[in-house]
Amino acid sequence: LTEQLNLKGTIRGHNNWVTQLATNPKFPDMLLSSSRAKTLIMWKLTRDDYYGIPQKR
């Protein structure tokens, strides 16, 4: 089977390339991202506007 990916929205906040994204089924509105600048951002995802709000840097 081939898995298809669809763009649902964008997040902005890192100063370098994003290297990793992580989700958890217990918290479907949260996303964790890391970058080459060695930063982590925890995002609260919105359902209506398709963007993320940084919660912690």
C-alpha atoms as a PDB file:
ATOM      1  CA  LEU A   1       0.000   0.000   0.000  1.00  0.00           C
ATOM      2  CA  THR A   2       1.090   3.536  -0.708  1.00  0.00           C
ATOM      3  CA  GLU A   3       0.502   6.151   1.960  1.00  0.00           C
ATOM      4  CA  GLN A   4      -0.598   9.579   0.775  1.00  0.00           C
ATOM      5  CA  LEU A   5       0.336  12.788   2.594  1.00  0.00           C
ATOM      6  CA  ASN A   6      -1.795  15.926   2.389  1.00  0.00           C
ATOM      7  CA  LEU A   7      -0.773  19.435   3.445  1.00  0.00           C
ATOM      8  CA  LYS A   8      -3.225  20.596   6.116  1.00  0.00           C
ATOM      9  CA  GLY A   9      -1.502  23.811   7.188  1.00  0.00           C
ATOM     10  CA  THR A  10       1.765  25.523   8.017  1.00  0.00           C
ATOM     11  CA  ILE A  11       3.778  26.411  11.102  1.00  0.00           C
ATOM     12  CA  ARG A  12       6.389  29.154  11.390  1.00  0.00           C
ATOM     13  CA  GLY A  13       8.838  29.643  14.204  1.00  0.00           C
ATOM     14  CA  HIS A  14      12.113  27.820  13.581  1.00  0.00           C
ATOM     15  CA  ASN A  15      15.205  29.690  12.387  1.00  0.00           C
ATOM     16  CA  ASN A  16      16.597  26.694  10.489  1.00  0.00           C
ATOM     17  CA  TRP A  17      15.392  23.553   8.723  1.00  0.00           C
ATOM     18  CA  VAL A  18      12.848  21.447  10.563  1.00  0.00           C
ATOM     19  CA  THR A  19      14.324  17.975  11.019  1.00  0.00           C
ATOM     20  CA  GLN A  20      11.647  16.101  12.958  1.00  0.00           C
ATOM     21  CA  LEU A  21       7.906  16.183  13.655  1.00  0.00           C
ATOM     22  CA  ALA A  22       6.212  14.125  16.367  1.00  0.00           C
ATOM     23  CA  THR A  23       2.569  13.564  17.290  1.00  0.00           C
ATOM     24  CA  ASN A  24       0.747  11.576  19.950  1.00  0.00           C
ATOM     25  CA  PRO A  25      -2.719  10.015  19.475  1.00  0.00           C
ATOM     26  CA  LYS A  26      -3.636  10.987  23.056  1.00  0.00           C
ATOM     27  CA  PHE A  27      -3.140  14.681  22.169  1.00  0.00           C
ATOM     28  CA  PRO A  28      -4.267  15.086  18.531  1.00  0.00           C
ATOM     29  CA  ASP A  29      -4.113  18.895  18.704  1.00  0.00           C
ATOM     30  CA  MET A  30      -0.424  18.951  19.735  1.00  0.00           C
ATOM     31  CA  LEU A  31       2.699  18.709  17.567  1.00  0.00           C
ATOM     32  CA  LEU A  32       6.375  18.734  18.544  1.00  0.00           C
ATOM     33  CA  SER A  33       8.970  19.960  16.039  1.00  0.00           C
ATOM     34  CA  SER A  34      12.761  20.145  16.142  1.00  0.00           C
ATOM     35  CA  SER A  35      15.221  21.961  13.915  1.00  0.00           C
ATOM     36  CA  ARG A  36      18.866  22.013  12.867  1.00  0.00           C
ATOM     37  CA  ALA A  37      19.265  25.025  15.181  1.00  0.00           C
ATOM     38  CA  LYS A  38      18.778  22.538  18.066  1.00  0.00           C
ATOM     39  CA  THR A  39      15.430  24.007  19.105  1.00  0.00           C
ATOM     40  CA  LEU A  40      12.167  22.274  20.001  1.00  0.00           C
ATOM     41  CA  ILE A  41       8.747  23.877  19.689  1.00  0.00           C
ATOM     42  CA  MET A  42       5.521  22.423  21.056  1.00  0.00           C
ATOM     43  CA  TRP A  43       2.553  23.542  18.929  1.00  0.00           C
ATOM     44  CA  LYS A  44      -1.173  23.720  19.625  1.00  0.00           C
ATOM     45  CA  LEU A  45      -2.874  22.987  16.308  1.00  0.00           C
ATOM     46  CA  THR A  46      -6.089  24.767  15.402  1.00  0.00           C
ATOM     47  CA  ARG A  47      -8.886  22.882  13.696  1.00  0.00           C
ATOM     48  CA  ASP A  48     -10.564  25.750  11.858  1.00  0.00           C
ATOM     49  CA  ASP A  49      -7.717  27.907  10.543  1.00  0.00           C
ATOM     50  CA  TYR A  50      -5.110  25.232   9.718  1.00  0.00           C
ATOM     51  CA  TYR A  51      -2.160  26.721  11.529  1.00  0.00           C
ATOM     52  CA  GLY A  52      -0.164  26.077  14.678  1.00  0.00           C
ATOM     53  CA  ILE A  53       0.347  28.314  17.702  1.00  0.00           C
ATOM     54  CA  PRO A  54       3.712  27.868  19.447  1.00  0.00           C
ATOM     55  CA  GLN A  55       3.196  26.934  23.110  1.00  0.00           C
ATOM     56  CA  LYS A  56       6.792  26.486  24.308  1.00  0.00           C
ATOM     57  CA  ARG A  57      10.197  27.206  22.799  1.00  0.00           C
END
